[in-house]
Amino acid sequence: MHTDTHTYYMALALQLAEQGRATVSPNPMVGCVIVKNSHIVGQGFHQCAGEPHAEVIALCAAGAESAGATVYVTLEPCCHYGRTPPCIQALITARVDKVYVACLDPNPLVAGKGVAALQAAGIAVEVGMGEQAAQRLNEVFFHYITYKRPFVIAKWAMSFDGKTVTNPQDSRYISHKDSLRHIHHLRQHVDAILIGAHTARQDNPQLTARFTADAKQPLRIILSSHDDLPVDLKIFDAHLPGKTVIATTASKQESMQHHEVIILPADNTGRVSLMHLLEELGKREITSLLVEGGMTVHASFFNANLVNKIHVYLAPVIIGALPVKQPVKNVHCEQVGRDFCFSMDF
């Protein structure tokens, strides 16, 4: 089979894996394609922790055609009993001929053992096709399984002059409605969202994922070093879907109705220790955390070197000291060395 054909089938497996992004945590996204005589006889992706893995779904679809077939899978097949039986046994029992694996699983329970078991059973294995794409796909899982704490994404919106909030006379949203939809889409793909106490009071957000029916609701976390939040904030509404947690260093209120208070050690500034918070979230199988602000909270995460990815929504407006935000037009971006130069017209 031509190399381009192998690449095509692995790319298809990666596309299948992507379909599990919003539902698969704390497990990795995995896609699998089974090919025999140049025809796809089975395919599948892992949909949810505790449910069948991609390889098993694809093997079930292929049935007897699995014997002598070639398998393309985006992550090394598991070789241990977890929520489900090991996938290597299903592949061995199906008598597949060869397995292409995009990348190895960093989980110490697997970490090359799955490949070794397949080879010991006489199945040819090739590792590395589509490796970089597969690693990017599961960057959250790889980070979580390696460090036992969530992958942190810092998100903010700002104007061209660097303002992250509008003036009181103007709308509180800097971003366009399309960006807001994108943000809510991002919320569905993380396990938890975090804001500081100031943002909770000032913006009074719900921190829910909207715009999609039956959207997955991430855990909502308020970082409040003194647990002195007003009880009538929207985020504490008992009718909101999902759960709200307060992370604090001292509890004036031992509990709040419907909401959990997590008492954590303080850092050397007296604020909640972010590392202790992330470690606690890791124990709860929170693999990804979206930090939405405000500025002090973002700075704390950056200063602690705990940010893994940044999402910045740059709105084509100038806020400055004007009474309302002013739109700009004809925006042009040019890369100058390592910098980016934006030019625009009023």
C-alpha atoms as a PDB file:
ATOM      1  CA  MET A   1       0.000   0.000   0.000  1.00  0.00           C
ATOM      2  CA  HIS A   2       1.357   3.445  -0.931  1.00  0.00           C
ATOM      3  CA  THR A   3       2.596   5.741   1.864  1.00  0.00           C
ATOM      4  CA  ASP A   4       0.062   8.429   0.907  1.00  0.00           C
ATOM      5  CA  THR A   5      -2.709   5.872   1.362  1.00  0.00           C
ATOM      6  CA  HIS A   6      -1.479   4.988   4.857  1.00  0.00           C
ATOM      7  CA  THR A   7      -1.341   8.702   5.663  1.00  0.00           C
ATOM      8  CA  TYR A   8      -4.915   9.124   4.439  1.00  0.00           C
ATOM      9  CA  TYR A   9      -6.263   6.405   6.717  1.00  0.00           C
ATOM     10  CA  MET A  10      -4.382   7.761   9.737  1.00  0.00           C
ATOM     11  CA  ALA A  11      -5.703  11.265   8.994  1.00  0.00           C
ATOM     12  CA  LEU A  12      -9.204   9.794   8.931  1.00  0.00           C
ATOM     13  CA  ALA A  13      -8.567   8.139  12.299  1.00  0.00           C
ATOM     14  CA  LEU A  14      -7.471  11.510  13.710  1.00  0.00           C
ATOM     15  CA  GLN A  15     -10.662  13.141  12.415  1.00  0.00           C
ATOM     16  CA  LEU A  16     -12.717  10.437  14.097  1.00  0.00           C
ATOM     17  CA  ALA A  17     -10.854  10.921  17.374  1.00  0.00           C
ATOM     18  CA  GLU A  18     -11.702  14.641  17.371  1.00  0.00           C
ATOM     19  CA  GLN A  19     -15.398  13.783  17.665  1.00  0.00           C
ATOM     20  CA  GLY A  20     -14.885  12.743  21.272  1.00  0.00           C
ATOM     21  CA  ARG A  21     -13.370  16.059  22.396  1.00  0.00           C
ATOM     22  CA  ALA A  22     -16.326  17.293  24.453  1.00  0.00           C
ATOM     23  CA  THR A  23     -17.193  13.986  26.119  1.00  0.00           C
ATOM     24  CA  VAL A  24     -14.123  11.797  26.534  1.00  0.00           C
ATOM     25  CA  SER A  25     -12.351  13.375  29.553  1.00  0.00           C
ATOM     26  CA  PRO A  26     -10.473  12.179  31.586  1.00  0.00           C
ATOM     27  CA  ASN A  27      -9.588   9.698  28.849  1.00  0.00           C
ATOM     28  CA  PRO A  28      -7.708  10.602  25.653  1.00  0.00           C
ATOM     29  CA  MET A  29      -9.359  11.099  22.272  1.00  0.00           C
ATOM     30  CA  VAL A  30      -8.748   8.046  20.098  1.00  0.00           C
ATOM     31  CA  GLY A  31      -9.853   7.147  16.581  1.00  0.00           C
ATOM     32  CA  CYS A  32      -9.430   3.860  14.735  1.00  0.00           C
ATOM     33  CA  VAL A  33      -9.817   2.767  11.101  1.00  0.00           C
ATOM     34  CA  ILE A  34      -9.599  -0.852   9.901  1.00  0.00           C
ATOM     35  CA  VAL A  35      -8.750  -1.527   6.244  1.00  0.00           C
ATOM     36  CA  LYS A  36      -8.778  -4.769   4.249  1.00  0.00           C
ATOM     37  CA  ASN A  37      -8.131  -5.138   0.535  1.00  0.00           C
ATOM     38  CA  SER A  38      -8.082  -1.320   0.181  1.00  0.00           C
ATOM     39  CA  HIS A  39     -11.567  -0.970   1.698  1.00  0.00           C
ATOM     40  CA  ILE A  40     -12.534   0.433   5.091  1.00  0.00           C
ATOM     41  CA  VAL A  41     -14.281  -2.410   6.914  1.00  0.00           C
ATOM     42  CA  GLY A  42     -14.586  -0.778  10.335  1.00  0.00           C
ATOM     43  CA  GLN A  43     -14.039   2.515  12.105  1.00  0.00           C
ATOM     44  CA  GLY A  44     -14.831   4.145  15.422  1.00  0.00           C
ATOM     45  CA  PHE A  45     -13.810   6.626  18.095  1.00  0.00           C
ATOM     46  CA  HIS A  46     -13.801   6.632  21.886  1.00  0.00           C
ATOM     47  CA  GLN A  47     -16.864   8.549  23.028  1.00  0.00           C
ATOM     48  CA  CYS A  48     -16.871   8.522  26.822  1.00  0.00           C
ATOM     49  CA  ALA A  49     -14.856   7.174  29.766  1.00  0.00           C
ATOM     50  CA  GLY A  50     -16.142   3.738  30.702  1.00  0.00           C
ATOM     51  CA  GLU A  51     -17.506   3.048  27.224  1.00  0.00           C
ATOM     52  CA  PRO A  52     -15.789   0.885  24.553  1.00  0.00           C
ATOM     53  CA  HIS A  53     -12.516   2.152  23.150  1.00  0.00           C
ATOM     54  CA  ALA A  54     -12.066   3.115  19.502  1.00  0.00           C
ATOM     55  CA  GLU A  55     -10.340  -0.145  18.571  1.00  0.00           C
ATOM     56  CA  VAL A  56     -13.142  -2.282  20.018  1.00  0.00           C
ATOM     57  CA  ILE A  57     -15.834  -0.242  18.249  1.00  0.00           C
ATOM     58  CA  ALA A  58     -13.976  -0.533  14.932  1.00  0.00           C
ATOM     59  CA  LEU A  59     -13.405  -4.278  15.400  1.00  0.00           C
ATOM     60  CA  CYS A  60     -17.091  -4.841  16.137  1.00  0.00           C
ATOM     61  CA  ALA A  61     -17.990  -2.954  12.956  1.00  0.00           C
ATOM     62  CA  ALA A  62     -15.516  -4.988  10.910  1.00  0.00           C
ATOM     63  CA  GLY A  63     -16.550  -8.357  12.332  1.00  0.00           C
ATOM     64  CA  ALA A  64     -14.894 -11.316  10.580  1.00  0.00           C
ATOM     65  CA  GLU A  65     -13.241  -8.910   8.121  1.00  0.00           C
ATOM     66  CA  SER A  66     -10.820  -7.949  10.913  1.00  0.00           C
ATOM     67  CA  ALA A  67      -8.771 -11.095  10.303  1.00  0.00           C
ATOM     68  CA  GLY A  68      -5.736 -10.170   8.217  1.00  0.00           C
ATOM     69  CA  ALA A  69      -6.709  -6.480   8.169  1.00  0.00           C
ATOM     70  CA  THR A  70      -4.590  -3.378   8.774  1.00  0.00           C
ATOM     71  CA  VAL A  71      -5.456  -1.148  11.730  1.00  0.00           C
ATOM     72  CA  TYR A  72      -4.776   2.599  12.002  1.00  0.00           C
ATOM     73  CA  VAL A  73      -5.103   3.953  15.544  1.00  0.00           C
ATOM     74  CA  THR A  74      -4.175   7.395  16.866  1.00  0.00           C
ATOM     75  CA  LEU A  75      -2.863   6.245  20.260  1.00  0.00           C
ATOM     76  CA  GLU A  76      -1.110   3.116  21.459  1.00  0.00           C
ATOM     77  CA  PRO A  77      -3.709   0.437  22.337  1.00  0.00           C
ATOM     78  CA  CYS A  78      -4.082  -0.069  26.081  1.00  0.00           C
ATOM     79  CA  CYS A  79      -2.798  -3.242  27.746  1.00  0.00           C
ATOM     80  CA  HIS A  80      -4.311  -2.916  31.224  1.00  0.00           C
ATOM     81  CA  TYR A  81      -7.690  -3.341  32.855  1.00  0.00           C
ATOM     82  CA  GLY A  82      -9.220   0.029  33.716  1.00  0.00           C
ATOM     83  CA  ARG A  83     -12.829   1.032  33.212  1.00  0.00           C
ATOM     84  CA  THR A  84     -12.774  -1.333  30.205  1.00  0.00           C
ATOM     85  CA  PRO A  85     -10.737  -4.439  29.229  1.00  0.00           C
ATOM     86  CA  PRO A  86      -7.418  -4.022  27.356  1.00  0.00           C
ATOM     87  CA  CYS A  87      -7.653  -3.302  23.626  1.00  0.00           C
ATOM     88  CA  ILE A  88      -4.587  -5.344  22.742  1.00  0.00           C
ATOM     89  CA  GLN A  89      -6.436  -8.551  23.561  1.00  0.00           C
ATOM     90  CA  ALA A  90      -9.294  -7.618  21.234  1.00  0.00           C
ATOM     91  CA  LEU A  91      -6.805  -6.938  18.413  1.00  0.00           C
ATOM     92  CA  ILE A  92      -4.962 -10.202  19.042  1.00  0.00           C
ATOM     93  CA  THR A  93      -8.195 -12.208  19.195  1.00  0.00           C
ATOM     94  CA  ALA A  94      -9.377 -10.594  15.936  1.00  0.00           C
ATOM     95  CA  ARG A  95      -6.110 -11.764  14.259  1.00  0.00           C
ATOM     96  CA  VAL A  96      -5.341  -8.431  12.614  1.00  0.00           C
ATOM     97  CA  ASP A  97      -2.239  -8.396  10.412  1.00  0.00           C
ATOM     98  CA  LYS A  98      -0.663  -5.016  11.147  1.00  0.00           C
ATOM     99  CA  VAL A  99      -1.246  -2.000  13.373  1.00  0.00           C
ATOM    100  CA  TYR A 100      -0.137   1.563  12.608  1.00  0.00           C
ATOM    101  CA  VAL A 101       0.089   3.591  15.835  1.00  0.00           C
ATOM    102  CA  ALA A 102       0.368   7.380  15.608  1.00  0.00           C
ATOM    103  CA  CYS A 103       2.001   7.838  19.017  1.00  0.00           C
ATOM    104  CA  LEU A 104       2.772   5.986  22.227  1.00  0.00           C
ATOM    105  CA  ASP A 105       0.634   6.449  25.332  1.00  0.00           C
ATOM    106  CA  PRO A 106       2.561   8.285  28.112  1.00  0.00           C
ATOM    107  CA  ASN A 107       0.440   6.560  30.766  1.00  0.00           C
ATOM    108  CA  PRO A 108       2.937   4.466  32.798  1.00  0.00           C
ATOM    109  CA  LEU A 109       0.452   1.585  32.657  1.00  0.00           C
ATOM    110  CA  VAL A 110       0.904   1.508  28.867  1.00  0.00           C
ATOM    111  CA  ALA A 111       4.022   3.427  27.672  1.00  0.00           C
ATOM    112  CA  GLY A 112       5.187   0.978  25.004  1.00  0.00           C
ATOM    113  CA  LYS A 113       3.812  -2.135  26.683  1.00  0.00           C
ATOM    114  CA  GLY A 114       0.819  -2.226  24.326  1.00  0.00           C
ATOM    115  CA  VAL A 115       3.059  -2.219  21.256  1.00  0.00           C
ATOM    116  CA  ALA A 116       5.320  -4.879  22.790  1.00  0.00           C
ATOM    117  CA  ALA A 117       2.349  -7.150  23.538  1.00  0.00           C
ATOM    118  CA  LEU A 118       1.069  -6.903  19.957  1.00  0.00           C
ATOM    119  CA  GLN A 119       4.511  -7.678  18.566  1.00  0.00           C
ATOM    120  CA  ALA A 120       4.873 -10.631  20.935  1.00  0.00           C
ATOM    121  CA  ALA A 121       1.623 -11.988  19.485  1.00  0.00           C
ATOM    122  CA  GLY A 122       3.079 -11.831  15.974  1.00  0.00           C
ATOM    123  CA  ILE A 123       1.321  -8.642  14.863  1.00  0.00           C
ATOM    124  CA  ALA A 124       3.451  -6.150  12.922  1.00  0.00           C
ATOM    125  CA  VAL A 125       3.430  -2.672  14.475  1.00  0.00           C
ATOM    126  CA  GLU A 126       4.656   0.648  13.084  1.00  0.00           C
ATOM    127  CA  VAL A 127       4.758   3.702  15.362  1.00  0.00           C
ATOM    128  CA  GLY A 128       5.038   7.366  14.382  1.00  0.00           C
ATOM    129  CA  MET A 129       2.756   7.983  11.413  1.00  0.00           C
ATOM    130  CA  GLY A 130       0.930  11.241  12.201  1.00  0.00           C
ATOM    131  CA  GLU A 131       2.727  11.478  15.544  1.00  0.00           C
ATOM    132  CA  GLN A 132       2.844  15.274  15.854  1.00  0.00           C
ATOM    133  CA  ALA A 133      -0.835  15.679  14.967  1.00  0.00           C
ATOM    134  CA  ALA A 134      -1.765  12.929  17.431  1.00  0.00           C
ATOM    135  CA  GLN A 135       0.243  14.545  20.222  1.00  0.00           C
ATOM    136  CA  ARG A 136      -1.350  17.940  19.558  1.00  0.00           C
ATOM    137  CA  LEU A 137      -4.784  16.323  19.558  1.00  0.00           C
ATOM    138  CA  ASN A 138      -4.213  14.922  23.041  1.00  0.00           C
ATOM    139  CA  GLU A 139      -2.066  17.695  24.518  1.00  0.00           C
ATOM    140  CA  VAL A 140      -4.478  17.977  27.438  1.00  0.00           C
ATOM    141  CA  PHE A 141      -4.370  14.261  28.253  1.00  0.00           C
ATOM    142  CA  PHE A 142      -0.587  14.053  27.819  1.00  0.00           C
ATOM    143  CA  HIS A 143      -0.077  16.967  30.229  1.00  0.00           C
ATOM    144  CA  TYR A 144      -2.562  15.579  32.753  1.00  0.00           C
ATOM    145  CA  ILE A 145      -1.141  12.051  32.748  1.00  0.00           C
ATOM    146  CA  THR A 146       2.423  13.399  33.070  1.00  0.00           C
ATOM    147  CA  TYR A 147       1.942  16.059  35.765  1.00  0.00           C
ATOM    148  CA  LYS A 148      -1.278  14.885  37.481  1.00  0.00           C
ATOM    149  CA  ARG A 149      -2.784  18.355  37.164  1.00  0.00           C
ATOM    150  CA  PRO A 150      -4.984  20.083  34.574  1.00  0.00           C
ATOM    151  CA  PHE A 151      -3.792  21.682  31.348  1.00  0.00           C
ATOM    152  CA  VAL A 152      -4.312  25.431  31.878  1.00  0.00           C
ATOM    153  CA  ILE A 153      -5.717  27.690  29.158  1.00  0.00           C
ATOM    154  CA  ALA A 154      -5.706  31.449  29.793  1.00  0.00           C
ATOM    155  CA  LYS A 155      -8.424  33.291  27.874  1.00  0.00           C
ATOM    156  CA  TRP A 156      -9.199  36.971  27.527  1.00  0.00           C
ATOM    157  CA  ALA A 157     -10.638  39.461  25.056  1.00  0.00           C
ATOM    158  CA  MET A 158      -9.134  42.874  24.450  1.00  0.00           C
ATOM    159  CA  SER A 159      -9.274  45.890  22.192  1.00  0.00           C
ATOM    160  CA  PHE A 160      -6.482  46.982  19.863  1.00  0.00           C
ATOM    161  CA  ASP A 161      -5.245  49.395  22.530  1.00  0.00           C
ATOM    162  CA  GLY A 162      -4.979  46.604  25.080  1.00  0.00           C
ATOM    163  CA  LYS A 163      -8.119  47.275  27.121  1.00  0.00           C
ATOM    164  CA  THR A 164      -9.868  44.223  28.550  1.00  0.00           C
ATOM    165  CA  VAL A 165     -12.952  46.076  29.785  1.00  0.00           C
ATOM    166  CA  THR A 166     -15.170  48.687  28.192  1.00  0.00           C
ATOM    167  CA  ASN A 167     -16.253  51.988  29.679  1.00  0.00           C
ATOM    168  CA  PRO A 168     -19.321  52.068  31.944  1.00  0.00           C
ATOM    169  CA  GLN A 169     -21.359  53.865  29.257  1.00  0.00           C
ATOM    170  CA  ASP A 170     -20.738  51.100  26.728  1.00  0.00           C
ATOM    171  CA  SER A 171     -21.625  47.423  26.411  1.00  0.00           C
ATOM    172  CA  ARG A 172     -19.587  45.225  28.742  1.00  0.00           C
ATOM    173  CA  TYR A 173     -18.682  42.883  25.882  1.00  0.00           C
ATOM    174  CA  ILE A 174     -15.608  43.716  23.822  1.00  0.00           C
ATOM    175  CA  SER A 175     -15.958  40.702  21.533  1.00  0.00           C
ATOM    176  CA  HIS A 176     -18.342  40.243  18.618  1.00  0.00           C
ATOM    177  CA  LYS A 177     -21.202  37.762  19.026  1.00  0.00           C
ATOM    178  CA  ASP A 178     -19.343  35.260  16.829  1.00  0.00           C
ATOM    179  CA  SER A 179     -16.424  35.329  19.266  1.00  0.00           C
ATOM    180  CA  LEU A 180     -18.840  34.843  22.149  1.00  0.00           C
ATOM    181  CA  ARG A 181     -20.171  31.721  20.440  1.00  0.00           C
ATOM    182  CA  HIS A 182     -16.604  30.514  19.992  1.00  0.00           C
ATOM    183  CA  ILE A 183     -15.911  31.107  23.689  1.00  0.00           C
ATOM    184  CA  HIS A 184     -18.961  29.076  24.691  1.00  0.00           C
ATOM    185  CA  HIS A 185     -17.803  26.332  22.328  1.00  0.00           C
ATOM    186  CA  LEU A 186     -14.429  26.395  24.096  1.00  0.00           C
ATOM    187  CA  ARG A 187     -16.147  26.132  27.491  1.00  0.00           C
ATOM    188  CA  GLN A 188     -17.829  22.906  26.398  1.00  0.00           C
ATOM    189  CA  HIS A 189     -14.433  21.376  25.688  1.00  0.00           C
ATOM    190  CA  VAL A 190     -12.856  21.977  29.112  1.00  0.00           C
ATOM    191  CA  ASP A 191     -13.513  20.318  32.446  1.00  0.00           C
ATOM    192  CA  ALA A 192     -13.486  23.488  34.543  1.00  0.00           C
ATOM    193  CA  ILE A 193     -13.608  27.303  34.298  1.00  0.00           C
ATOM    194  CA  LEU A 194     -12.010  29.643  36.833  1.00  0.00           C
ATOM    195  CA  ILE A 195     -12.479  33.321  37.669  1.00  0.00           C
ATOM    196  CA  GLY A 196     -11.356  35.509  40.547  1.00  0.00           C
ATOM    197  CA  ALA A 197     -13.572  37.010  43.226  1.00  0.00           C
ATOM    198  CA  HIS A 198     -13.311  40.504  41.691  1.00  0.00           C
ATOM    199  CA  THR A 199     -14.592  39.269  38.320  1.00  0.00           C
ATOM    200  CA  ALA A 200     -17.378  37.357  40.069  1.00  0.00           C
ATOM    201  CA  ARG A 201     -18.544  40.547  41.799  1.00  0.00           C
ATOM    202  CA  GLN A 202     -17.904  43.002  38.960  1.00  0.00           C
ATOM    203  CA  ASP A 203     -19.237  41.025  35.976  1.00  0.00           C
ATOM    204  CA  ASN A 204     -21.568  38.682  37.876  1.00  0.00           C
ATOM    205  CA  PRO A 205     -21.289  35.956  35.182  1.00  0.00           C
ATOM    206  CA  GLN A 206     -23.060  32.615  35.051  1.00  0.00           C
ATOM    207  CA  LEU A 207     -20.008  30.857  33.570  1.00  0.00           C
ATOM    208  CA  THR A 208     -22.182  28.345  31.751  1.00  0.00           C
ATOM    209  CA  ALA A 209     -21.701  26.919  28.260  1.00  0.00           C
ATOM    210  CA  ARG A 210     -24.525  28.157  26.053  1.00  0.00           C
ATOM    211  CA  PHE A 211     -25.600  28.352  22.372  1.00  0.00           C
ATOM    212  CA  THR A 212     -25.704  24.539  22.079  1.00  0.00           C
ATOM    213  CA  ALA A 213     -28.530  22.284  23.210  1.00  0.00           C
ATOM    214  CA  ASP A 214     -27.503  19.875  25.980  1.00  0.00           C
ATOM    215  CA  ALA A 215     -24.063  21.487  26.173  1.00  0.00           C
ATOM    216  CA  LYS A 216     -21.603  19.881  28.568  1.00  0.00           C
ATOM    217  CA  GLN A 217     -21.262  22.149  31.607  1.00  0.00           C
ATOM    218  CA  PRO A 218     -17.765  22.533  33.060  1.00  0.00           C
ATOM    219  CA  LEU A 219     -17.123  22.837  36.775  1.00  0.00           C
ATOM    220  CA  ARG A 220     -17.247  26.519  37.799  1.00  0.00           C
ATOM    221  CA  ILE A 221     -14.514  27.674  40.205  1.00  0.00           C
ATOM    222  CA  ILE A 222     -14.271  31.016  41.996  1.00  0.00           C
ATOM    223  CA  LEU A 223     -10.852  31.871  43.415  1.00  0.00           C
ATOM    224  CA  SER A 224     -11.522  33.828  46.610  1.00  0.00           C
ATOM    225  CA  SER A 225      -8.762  33.991  49.182  1.00  0.00           C
ATOM    226  CA  HIS A 226     -11.114  35.106  51.959  1.00  0.00           C
ATOM    227  CA  ASP A 227     -14.432  33.431  51.064  1.00  0.00           C
ATOM    228  CA  ASP A 228     -16.379  36.698  51.332  1.00  0.00           C
ATOM    229  CA  LEU A 229     -18.527  36.434  48.204  1.00  0.00           C
ATOM    230  CA  PRO A 230     -22.122  37.721  48.065  1.00  0.00           C
ATOM    231  CA  VAL A 231     -24.546  34.812  48.135  1.00  0.00           C
ATOM    232  CA  ASP A 232     -26.817  36.367  45.488  1.00  0.00           C
ATOM    233  CA  LEU A 233     -24.313  36.158  42.615  1.00  0.00           C
ATOM    234  CA  LYS A 234     -25.651  34.535  39.443  1.00  0.00           C
ATOM    235  CA  ILE A 235     -23.008  31.836  39.645  1.00  0.00           C
ATOM    236  CA  PHE A 236     -24.627  30.611  42.880  1.00  0.00           C
ATOM    237  CA  ASP A 237     -28.063  30.213  41.308  1.00  0.00           C
ATOM    238  CA  ALA A 238     -29.237  26.731  42.320  1.00  0.00           C
ATOM    239  CA  HIS A 239     -31.058  26.381  38.993  1.00  0.00           C
ATOM    240  CA  LEU A 240     -27.888  26.678  36.905  1.00  0.00           C
ATOM    241  CA  PRO A 241     -26.747  23.437  35.271  1.00  0.00           C
ATOM    242  CA  GLY A 242     -23.465  22.073  36.525  1.00  0.00           C
ATOM    243  CA  LYS A 243     -21.638  22.750  39.776  1.00  0.00           C
ATOM    244  CA  THR A 244     -19.918  25.729  41.414  1.00  0.00           C
ATOM    245  CA  VAL A 245     -16.932  25.436  43.760  1.00  0.00           C
ATOM    246  CA  ILE A 246     -15.237  28.136  45.843  1.00  0.00           C
ATOM    247  CA  ALA A 247     -11.471  27.796  46.307  1.00  0.00           C
ATOM    248  CA  THR A 248     -10.314  29.748  49.351  1.00  0.00           C
ATOM    249  CA  THR A 249      -7.704  29.879  52.108  1.00  0.00           C
ATOM    250  CA  ALA A 250     -10.105  30.354  54.997  1.00  0.00           C
ATOM    251  CA  SER A 251     -13.786  29.638  55.382  1.00  0.00           C
ATOM    252  CA  LYS A 252     -15.984  32.206  57.076  1.00  0.00           C
ATOM    253  CA  GLN A 253     -18.949  30.283  55.739  1.00  0.00           C
ATOM    254  CA  GLU A 254     -18.404  26.578  56.425  1.00  0.00           C
ATOM    255  CA  SER A 255     -20.662  25.772  53.505  1.00  0.00           C
ATOM    256  CA  MET A 256     -22.943  27.481  51.039  1.00  0.00           C
ATOM    257  CA  GLN A 257     -26.166  25.849  49.992  1.00  0.00           C
ATOM    258  CA  HIS A 258     -25.627  23.680  46.905  1.00  0.00           C
ATOM    259  CA  HIS A 259     -21.952  24.662  46.644  1.00  0.00           C
ATOM    260  CA  GLU A 260     -18.673  23.204  47.849  1.00  0.00           C
ATOM    261  CA  VAL A 261     -15.929  25.213  49.548  1.00  0.00           C
ATOM    262  CA  ILE A 262     -12.367  23.923  49.125  1.00  0.00           C
ATOM    263  CA  ILE A 263      -9.904  25.113  51.776  1.00  0.00           C
ATOM    264  CA  LEU A 264      -6.371  25.332  50.363  1.00  0.00           C
ATOM    265  CA  PRO A 265      -2.965  26.494  51.656  1.00  0.00           C
ATOM    266  CA  ALA A 266      -1.947  30.083  50.998  1.00  0.00           C
ATOM    267  CA  ASP A 267       1.095  31.088  48.978  1.00  0.00           C
ATOM    268  CA  ASN A 268       3.687  33.603  50.205  1.00  0.00           C
ATOM    269  CA  THR A 269       1.357  36.495  49.273  1.00  0.00           C
ATOM    270  CA  GLY A 270      -1.549  35.155  51.324  1.00  0.00           C
ATOM    271  CA  ARG A 271      -3.533  34.134  48.251  1.00  0.00           C
ATOM    272  CA  VAL A 272      -4.703  30.637  47.350  1.00  0.00           C
ATOM    273  CA  SER A 273      -1.753  28.474  46.306  1.00  0.00           C
ATOM    274  CA  LEU A 274      -2.414  27.818  42.623  1.00  0.00           C
ATOM    275  CA  MET A 275      -0.229  24.714  42.570  1.00  0.00           C
ATOM    276  CA  HIS A 276      -2.195  23.201  45.463  1.00  0.00           C
ATOM    277  CA  LEU A 277      -5.427  24.084  43.654  1.00  0.00           C
ATOM    278  CA  LEU A 278      -4.292  22.392  40.435  1.00  0.00           C
ATOM    279  CA  GLU A 279      -3.150  19.321  42.349  1.00  0.00           C
ATOM    280  CA  GLU A 280      -6.552  19.096  44.041  1.00  0.00           C
ATOM    281  CA  LEU A 281      -8.309  19.416  40.685  1.00  0.00           C
ATOM    282  CA  GLY A 282      -6.047  16.715  39.280  1.00  0.00           C
ATOM    283  CA  LYS A 283      -7.176  14.346  42.037  1.00  0.00           C
ATOM    284  CA  ARG A 284     -10.743  15.024  40.885  1.00  0.00           C
ATOM    285  CA  GLU A 285      -9.847  14.035  37.295  1.00  0.00           C
ATOM    286  CA  ILE A 286     -10.126  17.610  36.051  1.00  0.00           C
ATOM    287  CA  THR A 287      -7.832  17.456  33.017  1.00  0.00           C
ATOM    288  CA  SER A 288      -8.307  20.985  31.617  1.00  0.00           C
ATOM    289  CA  LEU A 289      -8.911  24.391  33.197  1.00  0.00           C
ATOM    290  CA  LEU A 290      -9.997  27.564  31.385  1.00  0.00           C
ATOM    291  CA  VAL A 291      -8.882  30.668  33.296  1.00  0.00           C
ATOM    292  CA  GLU A 292     -11.171  33.527  32.265  1.00  0.00           C
ATOM    293  CA  GLY A 293      -9.858  36.239  34.553  1.00  0.00           C
ATOM    294  CA  GLY A 294      -9.549  38.795  35.701  1.00  0.00           C
ATOM    295  CA  MET A 295      -6.196  40.425  35.173  1.00  0.00           C
ATOM    296  CA  THR A 296      -4.853  39.683  38.667  1.00  0.00           C
ATOM    297  CA  VAL A 297      -5.750  36.009  38.370  1.00  0.00           C
ATOM    298  CA  HIS A 298      -4.166  35.772  34.916  1.00  0.00           C
ATOM    299  CA  ALA A 299      -1.003  37.439  36.227  1.00  0.00           C
ATOM    300  CA  SER A 300      -0.843  34.982  39.134  1.00  0.00           C
ATOM    301  CA  PHE A 301      -1.011  31.983  36.811  1.00  0.00           C
ATOM    302  CA  PHE A 302       1.634  33.453  34.491  1.00  0.00           C
ATOM    303  CA  ASN A 303       3.929  34.364  37.398  1.00  0.00           C
ATOM    304  CA  ALA A 304       3.651  30.801  38.687  1.00  0.00           C
ATOM    305  CA  ASN A 305       4.504  29.480  35.192  1.00  0.00           C
ATOM    306  CA  LEU A 306       1.316  27.408  35.140  1.00  0.00           C
ATOM    307  CA  VAL A 307      -0.206  28.488  31.793  1.00  0.00           C
ATOM    308  CA  ASN A 308      -0.006  25.965  28.950  1.00  0.00           C
ATOM    309  CA  LYS A 309      -1.996  27.732  26.218  1.00  0.00           C
ATOM    310  CA  ILE A 310      -3.437  31.194  25.530  1.00  0.00           C
ATOM    311  CA  HIS A 311      -6.612  32.165  23.688  1.00  0.00           C
ATOM    312  CA  VAL A 312      -6.768  35.919  22.962  1.00  0.00           C
ATOM    313  CA  TYR A 313      -9.772  37.474  21.224  1.00  0.00           C
ATOM    314  CA  LEU A 314      -8.569  40.743  19.679  1.00  0.00           C
ATOM    315  CA  ALA A 315     -11.498  43.015  18.834  1.00  0.00           C
ATOM    316  CA  PRO A 316     -11.030  45.647  16.073  1.00  0.00           C
ATOM    317  CA  VAL A 317     -11.968  48.554  18.356  1.00  0.00           C
ATOM    318  CA  ILE A 318     -10.206  51.322  20.279  1.00  0.00           C
ATOM    319  CA  ILE A 319     -11.475  52.043  23.790  1.00  0.00           C
ATOM    320  CA  GLY A 320      -8.916  54.407  25.333  1.00  0.00           C
ATOM    321  CA  ALA A 321     -10.590  57.176  27.348  1.00  0.00           C
ATOM    322  CA  LEU A 322     -13.424  57.596  24.841  1.00  0.00           C
ATOM    323  CA  PRO A 323     -17.021  57.517  26.133  1.00  0.00           C
ATOM    324  CA  VAL A 324     -17.779  54.506  23.928  1.00  0.00           C
ATOM    325  CA  LYS A 325     -15.611  52.025  22.041  1.00  0.00           C
ATOM    326  CA  GLN A 326     -14.713  53.136  18.504  1.00  0.00           C
ATOM    327  CA  PRO A 327     -14.662  50.555  15.681  1.00  0.00           C
ATOM    328  CA  VAL A 328     -11.776  50.430  13.217  1.00  0.00           C
ATOM    329  CA  LYS A 329     -11.652  49.108   9.650  1.00  0.00           C
ATOM    330  CA  ASN A 330      -9.244  47.866   6.987  1.00  0.00           C
ATOM    331  CA  VAL A 331      -7.226  45.900   9.529  1.00  0.00           C
ATOM    332  CA  HIS A 332      -3.929  44.586   8.165  1.00  0.00           C
ATOM    333  CA  CYS A 333      -1.435  42.348   9.953  1.00  0.00           C
ATOM    334  CA  GLU A 334       2.218  42.006   8.972  1.00  0.00           C
ATOM    335  CA  GLN A 335       4.825  39.860  10.685  1.00  0.00           C
ATOM    336  CA  VAL A 336       7.987  41.840  11.397  1.00  0.00           C
ATOM    337  CA  GLY A 337      10.649  39.504  12.714  1.00  0.00           C
ATOM    338  CA  ARG A 338       9.132  37.874  15.757  1.00  0.00           C
ATOM    339  CA  ASP A 339       6.567  40.680  16.164  1.00  0.00           C
ATOM    340  CA  PHE A 340       3.232  41.393  14.485  1.00  0.00           C
ATOM    341  CA  CYS A 341       2.407  44.873  13.197  1.00  0.00           C
ATOM    342  CA  PHE A 342      -1.298  45.748  12.952  1.00  0.00           C
ATOM    343  CA  SER A 343      -2.415  48.729  10.886  1.00  0.00           C
ATOM    344  CA  MET A 344      -5.998  49.971  10.671  1.00  0.00           C
ATOM    345  CA  ASP A 345      -8.128  52.960   9.725  1.00  0.00           C
ATOM    346  CA  PHE A 346     -10.586  54.945  11.830  1.00  0.00           C
END
